[in-house]
Amino acid sequence: YISYHIKLTLFCFQNLSFNQRHLEIEWEKIENELTRERGLWGRVTPDPLAKWELDPTEGPLRMRKRMILNKSFNLRYPYLPSYLTRLLLRSPNSDVSNVYFMINTCCLTVSMNLSAVS
């Protein structure tokens, strides 16, 4: 009886932790849907640094209907100053990427300075 009770308690504990993790994942999905751009509690003004691309998934008649966030835009089209664009071959670049790299470089240097102080 005691070994059965221990096994049952262990099973209930594992089941409870599985359910807890499952609920955390589901709530995270719901939160992301509600707070995404154009969501119920999303941003009022669109993010100027967000770039969108067509989703590669095709529907009926080979139609692509969905726009998804392009996370690699700033890496694929980096900002190049005008003196570099004259020297190099014409490569695709973006002026918006300048703001992106300035923000990320600033955050990186601040975090590096904070870790050096610690």
N, C-alpha and C. Protein backbone atom coordinates (compact mmCIF):
# COMPACT_ATOMS: atom_id res chain seq x y z
N TYR A 1 0.82 -1.20 0.00
CA TYR A 1 0.00 0.00 0.00
C TYR A 1 0.86 1.26 0.00
N ILE A 2 1.92 1.28 0.76
CA ILE A 2 2.77 2.48 0.86
C ILE A 2 3.48 2.74 -0.47
N SER A 3 4.00 1.70 -1.11
CA SER A 3 4.68 1.91 -2.39
C SER A 3 3.69 2.40 -3.45
N TYR A 4 2.46 1.88 -3.42
CA TYR A 4 1.43 2.35 -4.36
C TYR A 4 1.12 3.82 -4.10
N HIS A 5 1.01 4.18 -2.84
CA HIS A 5 0.71 5.57 -2.48
C HIS A 5 1.85 6.50 -2.92
N ILE A 6 3.08 6.06 -2.77
CA ILE A 6 4.24 6.86 -3.20
C ILE A 6 4.23 7.03 -4.72
N LYS A 7 3.96 5.94 -5.44
CA LYS A 7 3.90 6.02 -6.91
C LYS A 7 2.77 6.94 -7.35
N LEU A 8 1.63 6.84 -6.70
CA LEU A 8 0.49 7.68 -7.05
C LEU A 8 0.79 9.15 -6.77
N THR A 9 1.44 9.43 -5.65
CA THR A 9 1.81 10.81 -5.31
C THR A 9 2.81 11.36 -6.32
N LEU A 10 3.78 10.56 -6.69
CA LEU A 10 4.77 10.97 -7.69
C LEU A 10 4.11 11.24 -9.03
N PHE A 11 3.20 10.36 -9.44
CA PHE A 11 2.48 10.54 -10.70
C PHE A 11 1.66 11.83 -10.68
N CYS A 12 0.97 12.08 -9.57
CA CYS A 12 0.16 13.31 -9.46
C CYS A 12 1.05 14.55 -9.51
N PHE A 13 2.20 14.49 -8.86
CA PHE A 13 3.12 15.62 -8.87
C PHE A 13 3.65 15.89 -10.28
N GLN A 14 4.03 14.83 -11.01
CA GLN A 14 4.51 14.98 -12.38
C GLN A 14 3.41 15.52 -13.28
N ASN A 15 2.20 15.01 -13.10
CA ASN A 15 1.07 15.46 -13.90
C ASN A 15 0.78 16.93 -13.61
N LEU A 16 0.86 17.32 -12.35
CA LEU A 16 0.62 18.71 -11.96
C LEU A 16 1.66 19.63 -12.58
N SER A 17 2.94 19.24 -12.54
CA SER A 17 3.99 20.08 -13.12
C SER A 17 3.85 20.15 -14.65
N PHE A 18 3.43 19.05 -15.28
CA PHE A 18 3.20 19.08 -16.72
C PHE A 18 2.06 20.03 -17.06
N ASN A 19 0.97 19.95 -16.30
CA ASN A 19 -0.17 20.85 -16.54
C ASN A 19 0.23 22.30 -16.31
N GLN A 20 1.03 22.55 -15.28
CA GLN A 20 1.48 23.91 -15.00
C GLN A 20 2.29 24.46 -16.16
N ARG A 21 3.22 23.66 -16.67
CA ARG A 21 4.05 24.09 -17.80
C ARG A 21 3.20 24.31 -19.05
N HIS A 22 2.25 23.43 -19.28
CA HIS A 22 1.36 23.56 -20.44
C HIS A 22 0.55 24.86 -20.35
N LEU A 23 0.03 25.17 -19.16
CA LEU A 23 -0.73 26.41 -18.98
C LEU A 23 0.15 27.64 -19.15
N GLU A 24 1.39 27.58 -18.68
CA GLU A 24 2.31 28.71 -18.87
C GLU A 24 2.55 28.97 -20.36
N ILE A 25 2.73 27.91 -21.13
CA ILE A 25 2.95 28.06 -22.57
C ILE A 25 1.72 28.64 -23.24
N GLU A 26 0.54 28.14 -22.87
CA GLU A 26 -0.70 28.64 -23.48
C GLU A 26 -0.94 30.11 -23.12
N TRP A 27 -0.70 30.50 -21.87
CA TRP A 27 -0.88 31.90 -21.48
C TRP A 27 0.12 32.80 -22.19
N GLU A 28 1.33 32.30 -22.41
CA GLU A 28 2.33 33.09 -23.13
C GLU A 28 1.88 33.31 -24.58
N LYS A 29 1.30 32.29 -25.21
CA LYS A 29 0.78 32.44 -26.57
C LYS A 29 -0.35 33.47 -26.61
N ILE A 30 -1.25 33.39 -25.63
CA ILE A 30 -2.37 34.33 -25.58
C ILE A 30 -1.87 35.75 -25.37
N GLU A 31 -0.90 35.92 -24.47
CA GLU A 31 -0.33 37.25 -24.22
C GLU A 31 0.33 37.81 -25.47
N ASN A 32 1.08 36.97 -26.19
CA ASN A 32 1.73 37.42 -27.43
C ASN A 32 0.70 37.84 -28.47
N GLU A 33 -0.40 37.12 -28.57
CA GLU A 33 -1.45 37.47 -29.53
C GLU A 33 -2.12 38.79 -29.16
N LEU A 34 -2.35 39.01 -27.87
CA LEU A 34 -3.04 40.23 -27.44
C LEU A 34 -2.15 41.46 -27.52
N THR A 35 -0.85 41.29 -27.34
CA THR A 35 0.04 42.45 -27.30
C THR A 35 0.84 42.64 -28.58
N ARG A 36 0.59 41.83 -29.60
CA ARG A 36 1.32 41.99 -30.86
C ARG A 36 0.84 43.25 -31.57
N GLU A 37 1.56 43.64 -32.60
CA GLU A 37 1.15 44.81 -33.37
C GLU A 37 -0.21 44.51 -34.00
N ARG A 38 -1.11 45.47 -33.92
CA ARG A 38 -2.51 45.36 -34.34
C ARG A 38 -3.31 44.41 -33.46
N GLY A 39 -2.78 44.02 -32.33
CA GLY A 39 -3.51 43.19 -31.38
C GLY A 39 -4.42 44.06 -30.53
N LEU A 40 -5.20 43.41 -29.67
CA LEU A 40 -6.16 44.13 -28.84
C LEU A 40 -5.46 45.13 -27.93
N TRP A 41 -4.34 44.74 -27.32
CA TRP A 41 -3.58 45.64 -26.46
C TRP A 41 -2.21 45.93 -27.05
N GLY A 42 -2.13 45.98 -28.36
CA GLY A 42 -0.85 46.22 -29.03
C GLY A 42 -0.47 47.68 -29.01
N ARG A 43 0.59 47.98 -29.73
CA ARG A 43 1.08 49.35 -29.81
C ARG A 43 0.08 50.24 -30.53
N VAL A 44 -0.03 51.49 -30.08
CA VAL A 44 -0.91 52.44 -30.75
C VAL A 44 -0.27 52.91 -32.05
N THR A 45 1.02 53.19 -31.99
CA THR A 45 1.75 53.58 -33.19
C THR A 45 2.64 52.42 -33.62
N PRO A 46 2.78 52.19 -34.91
CA PRO A 46 3.62 51.07 -35.35
C PRO A 46 5.09 51.32 -35.04
N ASP A 47 5.82 50.25 -34.86
CA ASP A 47 7.25 50.32 -34.58
C ASP A 47 7.98 50.75 -35.86
N PRO A 48 8.69 51.88 -35.84
CA PRO A 48 9.36 52.33 -37.07
C PRO A 48 10.51 51.41 -37.50
N LEU A 49 11.04 50.60 -36.59
CA LEU A 49 12.14 49.72 -36.96
C LEU A 49 11.66 48.35 -37.43
N ALA A 50 10.37 48.07 -37.30
CA ALA A 50 9.85 46.76 -37.72
C ALA A 50 9.70 46.72 -39.24
N LYS A 51 10.22 45.69 -39.84
CA LYS A 51 10.10 45.48 -41.28
C LYS A 51 9.36 44.17 -41.51
N TRP A 52 8.54 44.13 -42.54
CA TRP A 52 7.68 42.99 -42.80
C TRP A 52 8.03 42.35 -44.13
N GLU A 53 7.75 41.05 -44.23
CA GLU A 53 7.96 40.32 -45.48
C GLU A 53 6.79 39.36 -45.69
N LEU A 54 6.64 38.91 -46.92
CA LEU A 54 5.59 37.96 -47.25
C LEU A 54 5.94 36.59 -46.72
N ASP A 55 4.97 35.95 -46.09
CA ASP A 55 5.18 34.59 -45.57
C ASP A 55 5.34 33.62 -46.74
N PRO A 56 6.34 32.74 -46.69
CA PRO A 56 6.56 31.83 -47.82
C PRO A 56 5.50 30.73 -47.95
N THR A 57 4.62 30.59 -46.98
CA THR A 57 3.58 29.56 -47.05
C THR A 57 2.55 29.96 -48.11
N GLU A 58 2.22 29.02 -48.97
CA GLU A 58 1.26 29.29 -50.04
C GLU A 58 -0.09 28.68 -49.71
N GLY A 59 -1.14 29.38 -50.10
CA GLY A 59 -2.49 28.88 -49.94
C GLY A 59 -3.00 28.32 -51.25
N PRO A 60 -4.32 28.32 -51.42
CA PRO A 60 -4.86 27.82 -52.68
C PRO A 60 -4.45 28.74 -53.84
N LEU A 61 -4.25 28.15 -54.98
CA LEU A 61 -3.84 28.87 -56.19
C LEU A 61 -2.51 29.59 -56.00
N ARG A 62 -1.63 29.04 -55.16
CA ARG A 62 -0.28 29.55 -54.92
C ARG A 62 -0.26 30.99 -54.39
N MET A 63 -1.28 31.36 -53.64
CA MET A 63 -1.35 32.71 -53.07
C MET A 63 -0.64 32.75 -51.72
N ARG A 64 0.09 33.82 -51.47
CA ARG A 64 0.73 34.05 -50.18
C ARG A 64 0.01 35.21 -49.54
N LYS A 65 -0.69 34.95 -48.44
CA LYS A 65 -1.60 35.94 -47.89
C LYS A 65 -1.13 36.63 -46.61
N ARG A 66 -0.08 36.16 -46.02
CA ARG A 66 0.27 36.62 -44.69
C ARG A 66 1.58 37.39 -44.68
N MET A 67 1.62 38.45 -43.89
CA MET A 67 2.86 39.19 -43.67
C MET A 67 3.42 38.77 -42.31
N ILE A 68 4.74 38.56 -42.27
CA ILE A 68 5.39 38.20 -41.02
C ILE A 68 6.53 39.18 -40.76
N LEU A 69 6.91 39.29 -39.51
CA LEU A 69 7.98 40.19 -39.12
C LEU A 69 9.31 39.69 -39.67
N ASN A 70 10.05 40.56 -40.33
CA ASN A 70 11.35 40.20 -40.90
C ASN A 70 12.43 40.54 -39.87
N LYS A 71 12.85 39.53 -39.11
CA LYS A 71 13.81 39.76 -38.03
C LYS A 71 15.23 39.94 -38.53
N SER A 72 15.52 39.50 -39.74
CA SER A 72 16.90 39.59 -40.25
C SER A 72 17.09 40.77 -41.22
N PHE A 73 16.14 41.69 -41.28
CA PHE A 73 16.23 42.80 -42.23
C PHE A 73 17.46 43.65 -41.98
N ASN A 74 17.68 44.04 -40.73
CA ASN A 74 18.80 44.94 -40.42
C ASN A 74 20.15 44.28 -40.59
N LEU A 75 20.20 42.96 -40.49
CA LEU A 75 21.46 42.26 -40.73
C LEU A 75 21.69 42.06 -42.22
N ARG A 76 20.61 41.87 -42.97
CA ARG A 76 20.73 41.64 -44.40
C ARG A 76 20.99 42.94 -45.16
N TYR A 77 20.43 44.04 -44.68
CA TYR A 77 20.61 45.35 -45.33
C TYR A 77 21.21 46.33 -44.33
N PRO A 78 22.48 46.20 -44.01
CA PRO A 78 23.09 47.07 -42.99
C PRO A 78 23.25 48.49 -43.51
N TYR A 79 23.33 49.39 -42.56
CA TYR A 79 23.57 50.79 -42.90
C TYR A 79 25.02 50.96 -43.32
N LEU A 80 25.23 51.63 -44.43
CA LEU A 80 26.58 51.97 -44.88
C LEU A 80 26.66 53.47 -45.07
N PRO A 81 27.64 54.13 -44.47
CA PRO A 81 27.78 55.57 -44.68
C PRO A 81 28.01 55.89 -46.16
N SER A 82 27.73 57.13 -46.53
CA SER A 82 27.80 57.50 -47.95
C SER A 82 29.21 57.36 -48.52
N TYR A 83 30.24 57.62 -47.71
CA TYR A 83 31.60 57.49 -48.25
C TYR A 83 31.95 56.03 -48.56
N LEU A 84 31.35 55.09 -47.85
CA LEU A 84 31.60 53.68 -48.14
C LEU A 84 30.82 53.21 -49.36
N THR A 85 29.63 53.76 -49.56
CA THR A 85 28.85 53.32 -50.71
C THR A 85 29.49 53.78 -52.01
N ARG A 86 30.22 54.89 -51.96
CA ARG A 86 30.91 55.33 -53.17
C ARG A 86 32.12 54.44 -53.48
N LEU A 87 32.78 53.95 -52.44
CA LEU A 87 33.97 53.13 -52.64
C LEU A 87 33.63 51.68 -53.02
N LEU A 88 32.62 51.14 -52.42
CA LEU A 88 32.26 49.74 -52.64
C LEU A 88 31.32 49.60 -53.83
N LEU A 89 31.17 48.39 -54.27
CA LEU A 89 30.15 48.12 -55.27
C LEU A 89 28.79 48.39 -54.65
N ARG A 90 27.85 48.71 -55.48
CA ARG A 90 26.52 49.01 -54.96
C ARG A 90 25.96 47.79 -54.25
N SER A 91 25.85 47.87 -52.96
CA SER A 91 25.26 46.78 -52.19
C SER A 91 23.98 47.30 -51.54
N PRO A 92 23.00 46.44 -51.34
CA PRO A 92 21.75 46.91 -50.74
C PRO A 92 21.98 47.34 -49.30
N ASN A 93 21.44 48.49 -48.95
CA ASN A 93 21.56 48.97 -47.58
C ASN A 93 20.30 49.73 -47.21
N SER A 94 20.19 50.09 -45.94
CA SER A 94 19.00 50.76 -45.45
C SER A 94 19.40 51.86 -44.48
N ASP A 95 18.75 53.01 -44.60
CA ASP A 95 19.01 54.10 -43.67
C ASP A 95 18.40 53.80 -42.30
N VAL A 96 17.32 53.02 -42.27
CA VAL A 96 16.68 52.66 -41.00
C VAL A 96 17.61 51.80 -40.17
N SER A 97 18.46 51.02 -40.82
CA SER A 97 19.38 50.15 -40.09
C SER A 97 20.38 50.96 -39.26
N ASN A 98 20.64 52.20 -39.64
CA ASN A 98 21.52 53.06 -38.86
C ASN A 98 20.96 53.23 -37.46
N VAL A 99 19.68 53.53 -37.35
CA VAL A 99 19.04 53.70 -36.04
C VAL A 99 19.10 52.39 -35.26
N TYR A 100 18.82 51.28 -35.94
CA TYR A 100 18.85 49.96 -35.30
C TYR A 100 20.24 49.67 -34.72
N PHE A 101 21.29 49.89 -35.51
CA PHE A 101 22.64 49.61 -35.04
C PHE A 101 23.08 50.58 -33.94
N MET A 102 22.63 51.83 -34.01
CA MET A 102 22.97 52.78 -32.95
C MET A 102 22.34 52.36 -31.63
N ILE A 103 21.09 51.92 -31.67
CA ILE A 103 20.40 51.48 -30.44
C ILE A 103 21.07 50.24 -29.87
N ASN A 104 21.33 49.26 -30.72
CA ASN A 104 21.93 48.01 -30.24
C ASN A 104 23.36 48.20 -29.77
N THR A 105 24.13 49.05 -30.43
CA THR A 105 25.50 49.31 -30.01
C THR A 105 25.51 50.04 -28.67
N CYS A 106 24.59 50.98 -28.51
CA CYS A 106 24.49 51.72 -27.25
C CYS A 106 24.14 50.77 -26.11
N CYS A 107 23.16 49.90 -26.31
CA CYS A 107 22.78 48.93 -25.27
C CYS A 107 23.91 47.97 -24.97
N LEU A 108 24.65 47.57 -25.99
CA LEU A 108 25.76 46.64 -25.81
C LEU A 108 26.87 47.28 -25.00
N THR A 109 27.20 48.54 -25.29
CA THR A 109 28.27 49.20 -24.54
C THR A 109 27.85 49.45 -23.10
N VAL A 110 26.59 49.79 -22.88
CA VAL A 110 26.12 50.01 -21.51
C VAL A 110 26.20 48.71 -20.72
N SER A 111 25.76 47.59 -21.33
CA SER A 111 25.80 46.31 -20.61
C SER A 111 27.25 45.87 -20.37
N MET A 112 28.15 46.17 -21.32
CA MET A 112 29.55 45.81 -21.12
C MET A 112 30.15 46.65 -20.00
N ASN A 113 29.78 47.93 -19.93
CA ASN A 113 30.29 48.79 -18.86
C ASN A 113 29.76 48.34 -17.50
N LEU A 114 28.49 47.93 -17.45
CA LEU A 114 27.92 47.46 -16.19
C LEU A 114 28.58 46.16 -15.73
N SER A 115 28.88 45.28 -16.67
CA SER A 115 29.53 44.02 -16.28
C SER A 115 30.98 44.27 -15.85
N ALA A 116 31.62 45.29 -16.40
CA ALA A 116 33.00 45.60 -16.01
C ALA A 116 33.03 46.19 -14.60
N VAL A 117 31.99 46.94 -14.25
CA VAL A 117 31.92 47.55 -12.92
C VAL A 117 31.67 46.49 -11.86
N SER A 118 30.88 45.48 -12.18
CA SER A 118 30.52 44.44 -11.18
C SER A 118 31.69 43.62 -10.74
